[in-house]
Amino acid sequence: MLSDGSHRELSIIETFEQAGDIRSIDGDMPLQRFALSRLLVAMLYGRFGHDLDVDDWKSLYDYGAGNPSLMQAILEYCDEWRYRFDLFDDRYPFYQVAGLHTAKHETSGLERLILDVPSGEPFFTTRMGDGLQSIRAAEAARWLVTVQAYDASGIKSGAVGDPRVKGGKGYPIGVAWTGHLGGYLVEGTNLWQTLMLNYVSQDVFESGEAASVQWDDDKPVWEREPLTQQATKGFDQPVERTGDTSFFHGPATLMTWQGRRMLLVHDDETVTGVLVCNGDRLKPQNAQHHEPMTAWRRSPTQEKALKRPVVYMPRKHDPSRALWRGLPLLLATHDSGNPTGGDDFIRPYSLKWLSKACPERSIPVRLHAFGVEYGNNDAVIDATVDDTLDISLVVLTTDNPQMGQMIQDAVDKTDQGIRALRNLAANIALSEGKPTEAPQQRAAELGYSAFDGAFRQWLRGIDHDDNPETLSRDWYSQARQLLQRLGSHLAGQASPKAIVGRDVNVNGTTQHYSAALAEIWFRSRVNGIFNQTATERANHRDSANQSDNDGTNA
C-alpha cells in the first residue's frame, strides 16, 4: 500500500477499488506480479475494448480508480463475469476444467503448483512439512495464474478425453505462454497507473501494420466457452502451423492463455493438490503484433526452419546481464518507422504506445523486467529474472535522436571501460606469469557490480531530453572516476612478483609487463574511452581540419 508500505490480501474487486492507493501487486514470488498484473490488464481489455484512441486512453488514465463512473463500469463488468471467477465452482472453476481426471484418478502434491519448490530437490526450499500439505484458497489462486503463465514443458498427466494422450501421458507441448517472453511491466506511482501504462490500444499500429493485424476475436478466457480436457480448435496450434498468426487473436487472449488444463484438489477451504495436463499449444514466432509486453528480435534461424521471409522471436532476458545494459534497444529512437518489418529488433509495443499516447512524458516510472530461463529441454526452471530500472518516462519515449545516441554511448562506453578493467587484470596476471582467465572474470564481476548502482542512479536523475551533452558529460566524469578507483584497487593488490614484472612474448615481440605499466596502460585507455562527448569530438575534428588547412601543426 502507498500509505504505509503494508501488505494486504485483496479480492479483484477490492484491488480495482483501491488501485489508486496500492503501490504495486506483490506475490509469493516475483513472477506472480507480472502474471497477476497481466490478468488485471486483460480485464481492462474485456471492459473497455481494444480500439481506444489517444484521447479515450488519456481520459481513463486521468480519471483514475477514484472516479465513480469509471469504477461503476468496472464493477458491472466484474458482476457480469463473477460466476467464472469461483475457484471451486462445480461447473466453471476459475482457470480450471471441471471434472478433469486421469484414467487412474491420480493427482499431484502442491509441489506441482508452487513454482518455487525446486524440482527433485525439496530440501532446497523454505517450504517443508505443513507448507506443502495445504494452502489457503487465495494463495492457490495466485499460483494457479502463475502456473498457467510460466509452467515448464515436459510430460504431463494424461487427461481422459484428450486424444493427444498416449499411454496415459501427455507429451510435451512447450512452456506456458509467458515463459516464452522477456517480459516488461511499466509501473507507475500507483496500481491504476501501472495497469493503464500497460494497456495498449490497437491504435498503436501504423497504417501499414494495422491492415494485417486482427484483434476482433480477442477476449480474455472467462468470456469464452468453458474449456474441456481437449485442445481448443482455433487456439491449439499444430506443429506444422508454427508462426501462423491466426492463433494469437490478441493481447487479452495471450494474457490469459490456457496452456494447461488444471484442476485443484480442495476441501472447499484449503487446497491440498492439483492435476496438471496439457492445454493449448502455442509458439511465439511472429506474435509481435499481439503480445505487447516483450521486445522482439528477428531470427534468421527460424526463417530458414519455417521457410518464412521474416520471423520474429521474443527477446528473452539474460539472467547474467543487468537490465540497464539492454536499455538502448528499448528507446523510441530505435524505431525505424518501417511498418513492413525487417528490422533486427522491435521494442515492446507497450512502449511504442506510451511514446504516442502518454500525456506526461516526465513522470517517474519503474521499468520491471520478468523472465524465466528453462533447462533440461525446457522441463525445469533453472533461473528467474526480476530486475528494475527507476527511470523517467521521457527516457523511454523521447524522439530526440541525440538523447537516444547519448544513452547508447553511455552503455557502450561503460562496457568498453569494464573490458579495459579486464585487460588490466589480465596484464597484472601476465606480469607474474599466471593464467589470465580467472582474474579477468573477477575484474568483470567487480566492474559490473560497482557500475550497477552508479548507472541506475544516473538514469534516475534524467528528467528531460533537451541537453543530452550535459548528461553525457556528467556520466563520463562519473565513469572515469569509478574506473580509476577500481583500477587502483586491482593494482594495489598486485603481488611483489607482478610489481617487479617480467618480459612477455606478445605476437613475436618481447615486451616488459609489470603492475605499474599495466595501470598506466589502463588509465590511458580509460581516458581515451571517456575523453569527449559526441559534439566535442565533432568540434575537435572540425578544428583539426581547419588547422591542417592553415598549415599549422594540429
Protein backbone atom coordinates (compact mmCIF):
# COMPACT_ATOMS: atom_id res chain seq x y z
CA MET A 1 0.00 0.00 0.00
CA LEU A 2 1.14 3.55 -0.73
CA SER A 3 0.24 4.94 2.66
CA ASP A 4 2.40 2.79 4.94
CA GLY A 5 4.10 0.11 2.84
CA SER A 6 1.96 -2.62 4.37
CA HIS A 7 0.82 -5.73 2.52
CA ARG A 8 -2.86 -6.61 2.23
CA GLU A 9 -4.63 -9.51 0.58
CA LEU A 10 -7.48 -8.15 -1.53
CA SER A 11 -10.08 -9.55 -3.88
CA ILE A 12 -10.05 -8.48 -7.53
CA ILE A 13 -12.89 -6.02 -6.93
CA GLU A 14 -11.16 -4.56 -3.87
CA THR A 15 -7.95 -4.28 -5.88
CA PHE A 16 -9.67 -2.18 -8.56
CA GLU A 17 -11.49 -0.09 -5.97
CA GLN A 18 -8.25 0.71 -4.14
CA ALA A 19 -5.98 0.82 -7.20
CA GLY A 20 -5.15 4.47 -6.54
CA ASP A 21 -3.93 3.60 -3.03
CA ILE A 22 -1.93 0.49 -4.00
CA ARG A 23 1.76 0.85 -4.81
CA SER A 24 2.00 -2.47 -6.65
CA ILE A 25 0.93 -6.07 -6.66
CA ASP A 26 3.25 -8.29 -4.69
CA GLY A 27 3.25 -12.06 -4.64
CA ASP A 28 4.68 -15.24 -3.22
CA MET A 29 7.47 -14.88 -5.81
CA PRO A 30 8.31 -12.01 -8.20
CA LEU A 31 6.87 -13.73 -11.27
CA GLN A 32 3.43 -13.51 -9.69
CA ARG A 33 3.47 -9.71 -10.01
CA PHE A 34 3.77 -9.98 -13.78
CA ALA A 35 1.22 -12.78 -14.14
CA LEU A 36 -1.40 -11.12 -11.90
CA SER A 37 -0.87 -7.68 -13.45
CA ARG A 38 -1.49 -9.18 -16.89
CA LEU A 39 -4.70 -10.74 -15.58
CA LEU A 40 -5.97 -7.31 -14.47
CA VAL A 41 -4.93 -5.66 -17.75
CA ALA A 42 -6.90 -8.38 -19.58
CA MET A 43 -9.94 -7.31 -17.55
CA LEU A 44 -9.47 -3.76 -18.83
CA TYR A 45 -9.50 -5.12 -22.38
CA GLY A 46 -12.66 -7.02 -21.57
CA ARG A 47 -14.40 -3.90 -20.24
CA PHE A 48 -13.06 -1.06 -22.39
CA GLY A 49 -12.09 -2.84 -25.61
CA HIS A 50 -9.10 -2.63 -27.92
CA ASP A 51 -9.63 0.38 -30.16
CA LEU A 52 -9.38 3.37 -27.82
CA ASP A 53 -7.98 6.46 -29.45
CA VAL A 54 -5.38 8.55 -27.65
CA ASP A 55 -7.97 10.86 -26.09
CA ASP A 56 -10.04 7.93 -24.76
CA TRP A 57 -6.94 6.36 -23.25
CA LYS A 58 -5.88 9.66 -21.67
CA SER A 59 -9.31 10.04 -20.12
CA LEU A 60 -9.10 6.62 -18.45
CA TYR A 61 -5.55 7.34 -17.30
CA ASP A 62 -6.51 10.72 -15.84
CA TYR A 63 -9.80 9.66 -14.22
CA GLY A 64 -8.09 7.08 -12.05
CA ALA A 65 -9.68 4.44 -9.89
CA GLY A 66 -11.35 7.08 -7.71
CA ASN A 67 -13.73 8.16 -10.48
CA PRO A 68 -17.23 6.83 -9.60
CA SER A 69 -18.47 6.30 -13.15
CA LEU A 70 -15.27 4.55 -14.17
CA MET A 71 -15.36 2.29 -11.15
CA GLN A 72 -19.03 1.54 -11.71
CA ALA A 73 -18.21 0.36 -15.24
CA ILE A 74 -15.52 -1.99 -13.89
CA LEU A 75 -17.80 -3.30 -11.14
CA GLU A 76 -20.56 -4.01 -13.66
CA TYR A 77 -18.08 -5.99 -15.75
CA CYS A 78 -16.94 -7.94 -12.66
CA ASP A 79 -20.54 -8.67 -11.75
CA GLU A 80 -21.30 -9.92 -15.27
CA TRP A 81 -18.47 -12.44 -15.19
CA ARG A 82 -18.39 -13.19 -11.46
CA TYR A 83 -19.54 -16.79 -11.99
CA ARG A 84 -16.37 -17.55 -13.97
CA PHE A 85 -14.09 -16.46 -11.08
CA ASP A 86 -15.19 -19.02 -8.48
CA LEU A 87 -12.13 -21.13 -7.69
CA PHE A 88 -14.16 -24.13 -6.52
CA ASP A 89 -17.23 -23.97 -8.77
CA ASP A 90 -18.51 -27.37 -9.87
CA ARG A 91 -19.12 -26.30 -13.48
CA TYR A 92 -16.85 -23.33 -14.27
CA PRO A 93 -13.94 -23.33 -11.83
CA PHE A 94 -11.63 -20.34 -12.44
CA TYR A 95 -8.71 -21.16 -14.77
CA GLN A 96 -9.57 -24.87 -14.49
CA VAL A 97 -11.58 -27.62 -16.17
CA ALA A 98 -14.40 -29.19 -14.18
CA GLY A 99 -14.25 -32.97 -13.96
CA LEU A 100 -10.68 -33.20 -15.25
CA HIS A 101 -9.19 -36.58 -14.34
CA THR A 102 -6.76 -39.26 -15.43
CA ALA A 103 -7.59 -42.92 -16.05
CA LYS A 104 -6.32 -43.79 -12.56
CA HIS A 105 -7.59 -40.59 -10.93
CA GLU A 106 -4.08 -39.59 -9.82
CA THR A 107 -3.27 -36.08 -8.65
CA SER A 108 -0.04 -34.35 -7.68
CA GLY A 109 1.00 -32.64 -4.48
CA LEU A 110 1.35 -28.91 -4.05
CA GLU A 111 4.95 -29.02 -5.25
CA ARG A 112 3.42 -29.21 -8.76
CA LEU A 113 1.51 -25.97 -8.19
CA ILE A 114 4.09 -23.94 -6.26
CA LEU A 115 6.80 -22.99 -8.73
CA ASP A 116 9.45 -22.04 -6.19
CA VAL A 117 9.76 -25.60 -4.88
CA PRO A 118 12.83 -26.91 -6.79
CA SER A 119 12.05 -29.95 -8.90
CA GLY A 120 13.51 -33.08 -7.31
CA GLU A 121 15.26 -31.06 -4.59
CA PRO A 122 12.63 -30.34 -1.93
CA PHE A 123 15.25 -29.73 0.72
CA PHE A 124 16.43 -26.56 -1.05
CA THR A 125 13.31 -24.59 -0.14
CA THR A 126 11.73 -22.95 2.87
CA ARG A 127 8.52 -24.90 2.21
CA MET A 128 8.55 -28.20 4.03
CA GLY A 129 6.11 -30.19 6.09
CA ASP A 130 2.85 -28.33 6.57
CA GLY A 131 3.86 -25.80 3.93
CA LEU A 132 3.39 -28.47 1.24
CA GLN A 133 0.38 -30.17 2.80
CA SER A 134 -2.21 -27.46 2.21
CA ILE A 135 -2.53 -23.80 1.29
CA ARG A 136 -5.35 -21.28 1.51
CA ALA A 137 -7.61 -20.64 -1.47
CA ALA A 138 -6.23 -17.14 -2.07
CA GLU A 139 -2.66 -18.40 -2.34
CA ALA A 140 -3.79 -21.26 -4.56
CA ALA A 141 -5.48 -18.77 -6.91
CA ARG A 142 -2.25 -16.78 -7.24
CA TRP A 143 -0.25 -19.90 -8.01
CA LEU A 144 -2.89 -21.09 -10.47
CA VAL A 145 -2.50 -17.92 -12.54
CA THR A 146 1.30 -18.14 -12.29
CA VAL A 147 1.48 -21.78 -13.41
CA GLN A 148 -0.72 -21.00 -16.41
CA ALA A 149 1.77 -18.25 -17.26
CA TYR A 150 5.13 -19.95 -16.57
CA ASP A 151 4.77 -23.73 -16.32
CA ALA A 152 7.73 -25.66 -17.69
CA SER A 153 7.41 -28.15 -20.53
CA GLY A 154 7.81 -31.88 -20.05
CA ILE A 155 5.46 -34.84 -19.70
CA LYS A 156 2.12 -34.04 -18.05
CA SER A 157 -0.64 -36.20 -16.66
CA GLY A 158 -2.84 -37.66 -19.39
CA ALA A 159 -6.42 -36.39 -19.16
CA VAL A 160 -9.21 -38.78 -20.04
CA GLY A 161 -10.87 -37.49 -23.21
CA ASP A 162 -7.77 -35.82 -24.64
CA PRO A 163 -6.96 -37.60 -27.92
CA ARG A 164 -3.33 -36.46 -27.69
CA VAL A 165 -2.70 -38.69 -24.65
CA LYS A 166 -0.63 -41.79 -25.29
CA GLY A 167 -0.10 -44.49 -22.70
CA GLY A 168 -1.68 -42.33 -20.03
CA LYS A 169 0.79 -39.49 -20.61
CA GLY A 170 0.54 -36.03 -22.13
CA TYR A 171 3.70 -35.48 -24.11
CA PRO A 172 5.47 -32.08 -24.15
CA ILE A 173 3.88 -29.16 -25.99
CA GLY A 174 6.29 -26.47 -24.72
CA VAL A 175 6.42 -24.00 -21.89
CA ALA A 176 3.41 -21.89 -20.90
CA TRP A 177 2.94 -18.70 -22.92
CA THR A 178 4.51 -16.08 -20.65
CA GLY A 179 7.56 -18.30 -20.24
CA HIS A 180 8.47 -17.50 -23.85
CA LEU A 181 8.74 -13.79 -23.11
CA GLY A 182 11.31 -11.35 -21.85
CA GLY A 183 8.52 -9.54 -20.05
CA TYR A 184 8.37 -5.81 -19.30
CA LEU A 185 5.93 -4.19 -16.89
CA VAL A 186 5.88 -0.38 -16.81
CA GLU A 187 5.00 0.52 -13.23
CA GLY A 188 3.55 3.91 -12.32
CA THR A 189 3.15 5.66 -8.98
CA ASN A 190 0.10 3.54 -8.14
CA LEU A 191 -1.53 0.38 -9.45
CA TRP A 192 -4.08 2.21 -11.61
CA GLN A 193 -1.28 3.97 -13.45
CA THR A 194 0.56 0.66 -13.83
CA LEU A 195 -2.44 -1.04 -15.39
CA MET A 196 -3.07 1.85 -17.78
CA LEU A 197 0.61 2.15 -18.75
CA ASN A 198 0.45 -1.46 -19.96
CA TYR A 199 -2.99 -1.24 -21.59
CA VAL A 200 -2.20 -0.87 -25.30
CA SER A 201 -4.78 0.20 -27.84
CA GLN A 202 -4.86 -1.25 -31.34
CA ASP A 203 -4.32 2.35 -32.40
CA VAL A 204 -0.62 1.76 -31.65
CA PHE A 205 -0.07 0.35 -35.13
CA GLU A 206 0.96 2.43 -38.10
CA SER A 207 -1.29 2.28 -41.14
CA GLY A 208 0.93 -0.23 -42.90
CA GLU A 209 0.77 -2.57 -39.90
CA ALA A 210 -2.87 -2.12 -38.91
CA ALA A 211 -4.23 -3.60 -42.11
CA SER A 212 -2.76 -7.01 -41.30
CA VAL A 213 -3.49 -7.08 -37.54
CA GLN A 214 -6.76 -8.61 -36.39
CA TRP A 215 -7.84 -8.27 -32.74
CA ASP A 216 -11.55 -8.59 -33.49
CA ASP A 217 -11.83 -12.01 -31.84
CA ASP A 218 -9.68 -11.10 -28.85
CA LYS A 219 -11.17 -11.63 -25.40
CA PRO A 220 -10.00 -12.99 -22.02
CA VAL A 221 -10.58 -16.66 -21.35
CA TRP A 222 -13.54 -16.16 -18.98
CA GLU A 223 -15.52 -14.59 -21.84
CA ARG A 224 -15.08 -17.71 -23.96
CA GLU A 225 -16.85 -21.03 -23.76
CA PRO A 226 -15.66 -23.11 -20.79
CA LEU A 227 -12.68 -25.25 -21.65
CA THR A 228 -12.73 -29.03 -21.78
CA GLN A 229 -9.99 -31.63 -21.43
CA GLN A 230 -9.46 -31.41 -25.19
CA ALA A 231 -7.42 -28.79 -27.02
CA THR A 232 -9.48 -25.86 -28.29
CA LYS A 233 -9.93 -25.55 -32.03
CA GLY A 234 -8.53 -22.29 -33.34
CA PHE A 235 -6.26 -21.94 -30.31
CA ASP A 236 -4.23 -25.15 -30.16
CA GLN A 237 -1.52 -24.55 -32.75
CA PRO A 238 -0.37 -27.62 -34.71
CA VAL A 239 3.36 -28.03 -35.14
CA GLU A 240 3.10 -27.55 -38.89
CA ARG A 241 1.39 -24.17 -38.39
CA THR A 242 4.00 -22.63 -36.12
CA GLY A 243 4.23 -18.95 -36.98
CA ASP A 244 0.60 -18.77 -38.15
CA THR A 245 -0.67 -15.54 -36.56
CA SER A 246 -4.34 -16.57 -36.67
CA PHE A 247 -3.87 -18.50 -33.41
CA PHE A 248 -2.85 -15.47 -31.35
CA HIS A 249 -6.12 -13.46 -31.50
CA GLY A 250 -4.82 -10.52 -29.46
CA PRO A 251 -3.36 -9.35 -26.13
CA ALA A 252 -6.26 -10.29 -23.81
CA THR A 253 -6.18 -13.83 -25.20
CA LEU A 254 -2.44 -14.16 -24.63
CA MET A 255 -2.55 -12.56 -21.17
CA THR A 256 -4.98 -15.29 -20.07
CA TRP A 257 -3.71 -18.12 -22.28
CA GLN A 258 -4.55 -21.62 -21.06
CA GLY A 259 -1.53 -23.71 -21.98
CA ARG A 260 -2.52 -26.21 -19.32
CA ARG A 261 -5.70 -27.95 -18.22
CA MET A 262 -5.79 -27.91 -14.43
CA LEU A 263 -7.98 -28.84 -11.51
CA LEU A 264 -7.31 -28.14 -7.85
CA VAL A 265 -7.84 -30.74 -5.13
CA HIS A 266 -9.58 -28.99 -2.23
CA ASP A 267 -11.91 -29.28 0.76
CA ASP A 268 -13.84 -26.06 -0.01
CA GLU A 269 -11.45 -24.02 2.14
CA THR A 270 -7.91 -25.18 1.54
CA VAL A 271 -6.10 -26.70 -1.45
CA THR A 272 -4.14 -29.91 -0.98
CA GLY A 273 -3.17 -30.96 -4.51
CA VAL A 274 -3.54 -30.36 -8.23
CA LEU A 275 -3.87 -32.13 -11.54
CA VAL A 276 -1.91 -30.57 -14.42
CA CYS A 277 -2.47 -31.75 -18.01
CA ASN A 278 -1.68 -30.34 -21.42
CA GLY A 279 -3.73 -27.45 -22.73
CA ASP A 280 -3.48 -25.40 -25.91
CA ARG A 281 -0.10 -25.44 -27.63
CA LEU A 282 1.21 -22.08 -28.84
CA LYS A 283 4.64 -20.99 -30.02
CA PRO A 284 5.70 -17.31 -30.10
CA GLN A 285 7.02 -16.96 -33.65
CA ASN A 286 5.64 -13.74 -35.23
CA ALA A 287 3.36 -12.82 -32.32
CA GLN A 288 4.80 -9.29 -32.10
CA HIS A 289 1.53 -7.63 -33.12
CA HIS A 290 -0.42 -9.48 -30.44
CA GLU A 291 1.91 -9.62 -27.41
CA PRO A 292 2.78 -6.05 -26.36
CA MET A 293 4.80 -6.72 -23.19
CA THR A 294 8.07 -8.05 -24.62
CA ALA A 295 10.71 -6.94 -27.11
CA TRP A 296 11.34 -8.92 -30.31
CA ARG A 297 14.33 -9.97 -32.38
CA ARG A 298 14.47 -11.14 -35.95
CA SER A 299 15.55 -14.79 -36.22
CA PRO A 300 17.27 -15.97 -39.43
CA THR A 301 17.38 -19.47 -37.93
CA GLN A 302 13.60 -19.57 -37.57
CA GLU A 303 13.12 -18.03 -41.01
CA LYS A 304 15.09 -20.88 -42.52
CA ALA A 305 13.36 -23.54 -40.40
CA LEU A 306 9.83 -22.28 -41.09
CA LYS A 307 10.57 -21.20 -44.68
CA ARG A 308 9.16 -17.74 -43.97
CA PRO A 309 10.71 -14.47 -45.19
CA VAL A 310 10.51 -12.76 -41.77
CA VAL A 311 10.23 -14.38 -38.34
CA TYR A 312 10.43 -12.57 -35.01
CA MET A 313 11.03 -14.22 -31.66
CA PRO A 314 10.66 -12.72 -28.18
CA ARG A 315 13.88 -11.16 -26.95
CA LYS A 316 14.32 -13.00 -23.67
CA HIS A 317 16.25 -11.66 -20.70
CA ASP A 318 19.70 -12.93 -19.81
CA PRO A 319 19.81 -13.64 -16.04
CA SER A 320 23.50 -12.71 -16.01
CA ARG A 321 23.01 -9.33 -17.71
CA ALA A 322 21.61 -6.27 -15.91
CA LEU A 323 18.55 -4.60 -17.41
CA TRP A 324 20.27 -1.25 -18.00
CA ARG A 325 22.78 -2.84 -20.39
CA GLY A 326 19.98 -3.56 -22.88
CA LEU A 327 18.23 -0.21 -22.43
CA PRO A 328 19.21 1.33 -25.82
CA LEU A 329 17.10 -1.21 -27.73
CA LEU A 330 14.03 -0.11 -25.76
CA LEU A 331 14.22 3.58 -26.67
CA ALA A 332 11.83 5.29 -29.06
CA THR A 333 14.77 6.48 -31.15
CA HIS A 334 15.40 2.82 -32.01
CA ASP A 335 12.14 2.64 -34.00
CA SER A 336 12.78 2.74 -37.72
CA GLY A 337 9.21 3.53 -38.72
CA ASN A 338 9.28 0.61 -41.15
CA PRO A 339 5.76 -0.92 -40.99
CA THR A 340 6.62 -3.77 -43.35
CA GLY A 341 9.07 -5.37 -40.93
CA GLY A 342 12.64 -6.40 -41.49
CA ASP A 343 14.19 -4.59 -38.52
CA ASP A 344 16.57 -6.67 -36.43
CA PHE A 345 14.81 -5.64 -33.22
CA ILE A 346 11.35 -4.38 -32.30
CA ARG A 347 10.83 -2.73 -28.94
CA PRO A 348 7.73 -3.65 -26.89
CA TYR A 349 4.51 -2.25 -28.30
CA SER A 350 3.62 -1.16 -24.76
CA LEU A 351 6.50 1.34 -25.01
CA LYS A 352 5.55 2.28 -28.58
CA TRP A 353 2.05 3.10 -27.31
CA LEU A 354 3.36 5.27 -24.47
CA SER A 355 5.51 7.20 -26.95
CA LYS A 356 2.30 8.02 -28.78
CA ALA A 357 -0.27 8.38 -26.04
CA CYS A 358 1.16 9.15 -22.62
CA PRO A 359 0.26 12.70 -21.55
CA GLU A 360 3.09 13.08 -19.05
CA ARG A 361 6.47 12.26 -20.55
CA SER A 362 8.42 13.33 -17.46
CA ILE A 363 6.61 11.12 -14.93
CA PRO A 364 8.77 8.71 -12.96
CA VAL A 365 8.15 5.05 -13.76
CA ARG A 366 9.76 1.75 -12.90
CA LEU A 367 10.62 -0.50 -15.82
CA HIS A 368 10.33 -4.00 -14.39
CA ALA A 369 11.73 -6.99 -16.26
CA PHE A 370 10.50 -10.53 -15.66
CA GLY A 371 11.59 -13.77 -17.24
CA VAL A 372 12.43 -17.42 -16.84
CA GLU A 373 15.38 -19.46 -18.04
CA TYR A 374 14.41 -23.10 -18.51
CA GLY A 375 16.74 -26.08 -18.54
CA ASN A 376 16.75 -29.79 -19.41
CA ASN A 377 14.69 -29.47 -22.61
CA ASP A 378 12.58 -26.70 -21.02
CA ALA A 379 11.30 -29.20 -18.44
CA VAL A 380 12.61 -27.36 -15.36
CA ILE A 381 13.06 -23.76 -14.28
CA ASP A 382 16.76 -23.01 -13.89
CA ALA A 383 16.65 -19.29 -13.14
CA THR A 384 14.26 -16.37 -12.99
CA VAL A 385 14.75 -12.70 -13.86
CA ASP A 386 13.46 -9.90 -11.65
CA ASP A 387 15.18 -6.59 -12.44
CA THR A 388 14.06 -2.96 -12.29
CA LEU A 389 15.05 0.47 -13.52
CA ASP A 390 13.66 3.59 -11.88
CA ILE A 391 13.55 5.99 -14.77
CA SER A 392 11.68 8.96 -16.19
CA LEU A 393 9.26 8.04 -18.95
CA VAL A 394 10.96 10.67 -21.11
CA VAL A 395 13.95 8.35 -21.47
CA LEU A 396 11.79 5.60 -22.96
CA THR A 397 9.60 7.83 -25.13
CA THR A 398 11.81 10.68 -26.35
CA ASP A 399 12.14 11.08 -30.10
CA ASN A 400 15.27 13.20 -29.75
CA PRO A 401 17.90 11.18 -31.67
CA GLN A 402 20.73 12.79 -29.71
CA MET A 403 19.17 11.54 -26.48
CA GLY A 404 18.97 8.00 -27.81
CA GLN A 405 22.54 8.12 -29.04
CA MET A 406 23.68 9.51 -25.69
CA ILE A 407 22.16 6.55 -23.82
CA GLN A 408 23.65 4.14 -26.36
CA ASP A 409 27.09 5.72 -25.99
CA ALA A 410 26.86 5.64 -22.20
CA VAL A 411 26.13 1.90 -22.17
CA ASP A 412 28.70 1.10 -24.88
CA LYS A 413 31.46 3.08 -23.23
CA THR A 414 30.70 1.55 -19.84
CA ASP A 415 31.13 -1.88 -21.42
CA GLN A 416 34.38 -0.70 -23.01
CA GLY A 417 35.60 0.60 -19.66
CA ILE A 418 34.93 -2.72 -17.98
CA ARG A 419 36.73 -4.51 -20.81
CA ALA A 420 39.68 -2.23 -20.06
CA LEU A 421 39.43 -3.30 -16.42
CA ARG A 422 39.50 -6.93 -17.57
CA ASN A 423 42.62 -6.20 -19.59
CA LEU A 424 44.24 -4.58 -16.57
CA ALA A 425 43.63 -7.74 -14.55
CA ALA A 426 45.00 -9.86 -17.39
CA ASN A 427 48.14 -7.73 -17.71
CA ILE A 428 48.81 -7.91 -13.98
CA ALA A 429 48.44 -11.69 -14.17
CA LEU A 430 50.88 -11.79 -17.10
CA SER A 431 53.31 -9.70 -15.06
CA GLU A 432 53.61 -12.53 -12.54
CA GLY A 433 53.29 -15.41 -15.01
CA LYS A 434 49.80 -16.55 -14.01
CA PRO A 435 46.76 -17.54 -16.15
CA THR A 436 44.57 -14.59 -17.13
CA GLU A 437 41.06 -16.04 -17.43
CA ALA A 438 40.09 -16.13 -13.75
CA PRO A 439 41.44 -12.60 -12.95
CA GLN A 440 39.57 -11.23 -15.98
CA GLN A 441 36.32 -12.83 -14.81
CA ARG A 442 36.72 -11.44 -11.30
CA ALA A 443 37.51 -7.98 -12.68
CA ALA A 444 34.39 -8.00 -14.86
CA GLU A 445 32.23 -9.04 -11.91
CA LEU A 446 33.79 -6.31 -9.79
CA GLY A 447 33.26 -3.74 -12.53
CA TYR A 448 29.64 -4.52 -13.30
CA SER A 449 28.81 -4.76 -9.60
CA ALA A 450 30.29 -1.31 -8.99
CA PHE A 451 28.70 0.25 -12.08
CA ASP A 452 25.28 -1.26 -11.50
CA GLY A 453 24.25 1.14 -8.76
CA ALA A 454 26.05 4.12 -10.31
CA PHE A 455 24.41 3.72 -13.74
CA ARG A 456 20.96 3.23 -12.24
CA GLN A 457 21.40 6.34 -10.09
CA TRP A 458 22.48 8.39 -13.11
CA LEU A 459 19.47 7.20 -15.14
CA ARG A 460 17.13 8.03 -12.26
CA GLY A 461 18.24 11.66 -12.43
CA ILE A 462 17.40 12.14 -16.14
CA ASP A 463 14.10 14.00 -16.36
CA HIS A 464 14.50 15.92 -19.64
CA ASP A 465 15.78 15.35 -23.15
CA ASP A 466 16.85 18.85 -24.18
CA ASN A 467 20.51 18.75 -23.16
CA PRO A 468 21.96 15.28 -23.75
CA GLU A 469 25.51 16.67 -23.96
CA THR A 470 25.42 17.79 -20.33
CA LEU A 471 24.01 14.43 -19.25
CA SER A 472 26.68 12.62 -21.24
CA ARG A 473 29.46 14.74 -19.77
CA ASP A 474 28.20 14.01 -16.26
CA TRP A 475 28.23 10.25 -16.85
CA TYR A 476 31.65 10.27 -18.49
CA SER A 477 33.07 12.04 -15.45
CA GLN A 478 31.46 9.57 -13.02
CA ALA A 479 32.50 6.54 -15.06
CA ARG A 480 36.10 7.68 -15.45
CA GLN A 481 36.49 8.30 -11.71
CA LEU A 482 34.88 4.99 -10.80
CA LEU A 483 37.09 3.02 -13.20
CA GLN A 484 40.22 4.73 -11.95
CA ARG A 485 39.32 3.76 -8.38
CA LEU A 486 38.70 0.18 -9.45
CA GLY A 487 41.95 0.10 -11.37
CA SER A 488 43.90 1.43 -8.38
CA HIS A 489 42.26 -1.25 -6.25
CA LEU A 490 43.38 -4.04 -8.61
CA ALA A 491 46.88 -2.64 -8.99
CA GLY A 492 47.18 -2.25 -5.23
CA GLN A 493 46.57 -5.97 -4.80
CA ALA A 494 49.38 -6.93 -7.18
CA SER A 495 51.98 -9.32 -5.80
CA PRO A 496 55.66 -8.35 -5.38
CA LYS A 497 56.40 -10.53 -8.41
CA ALA A 498 53.94 -8.54 -10.54
CA ILE A 499 55.41 -5.26 -9.28
CA VAL A 500 58.87 -6.32 -10.48
CA GLY A 501 57.35 -7.67 -13.69
CA ARG A 502 58.79 -9.83 -16.43
CA ASP A 503 59.36 -9.95 -20.17
CA VAL A 504 56.44 -11.42 -22.15
CA ASN A 505 56.41 -12.55 -25.77
CA VAL A 506 53.38 -10.94 -27.45
CA ASN A 507 52.81 -11.78 -31.12
CA GLY A 508 56.50 -12.47 -31.64
CA THR A 509 57.64 -9.30 -29.84
CA THR A 510 59.19 -9.27 -26.38
CA GLN A 511 57.71 -6.64 -24.09
CA HIS A 512 58.14 -5.95 -20.40
CA TYR A 513 54.99 -6.27 -18.28
CA SER A 514 54.59 -5.01 -14.72
CA ALA A 515 51.74 -3.89 -12.47
CA ALA A 516 52.79 -0.24 -12.82
CA LEU A 517 52.90 -0.41 -16.61
CA ALA A 518 49.56 -2.25 -16.66
CA GLU A 519 47.97 0.56 -14.62
CA ILE A 520 49.47 3.24 -16.91
CA TRP A 521 48.07 1.46 -19.98
CA PHE A 522 44.71 1.10 -18.23
CA ARG A 523 44.46 4.78 -17.28
CA SER A 524 45.40 5.81 -20.79
CA ARG A 525 42.71 3.55 -22.22
CA VAL A 526 40.07 4.84 -19.80
CA ASN A 527 40.90 8.47 -20.60
CA GLY A 528 40.60 7.66 -24.28
CA ILE A 529 37.20 5.99 -23.86
CA PHE A 530 35.66 8.79 -21.80
CA ASN A 531 37.55 11.69 -23.32
CA GLN A 532 34.87 13.67 -25.17
CA THR A 533 31.18 13.91 -25.85
CA ALA A 534 29.90 13.50 -29.38
CA THR A 535 29.73 17.26 -30.03
CA GLU A 536 33.18 17.82 -28.56
CA ARG A 537 34.60 15.09 -30.81
CA ALA A 538 32.94 16.69 -33.85
CA ASN A 539 34.24 20.15 -32.89
CA HIS A 540 37.69 18.68 -32.36
CA ARG A 541 37.62 17.13 -35.86
CA ASP A 542 36.49 20.45 -37.38
CA SER A 543 39.20 22.31 -35.52
CA ALA A 544 41.84 19.80 -36.62
CA ASN A 545 40.74 20.06 -40.24
CA GLN A 546 40.89 23.87 -40.08
CA SER A 547 44.37 23.74 -38.53
CA ASP A 548 45.55 21.45 -41.30
CA ASN A 549 44.23 23.85 -43.87
CA ASP A 550 46.10 26.71 -42.20
CA GLY A 551 49.34 24.72 -42.38
CA THR A 552 49.77 24.57 -38.57
CA ASN A 553 50.77 21.51 -36.60
CA ALA A 554 47.39 20.11 -35.49
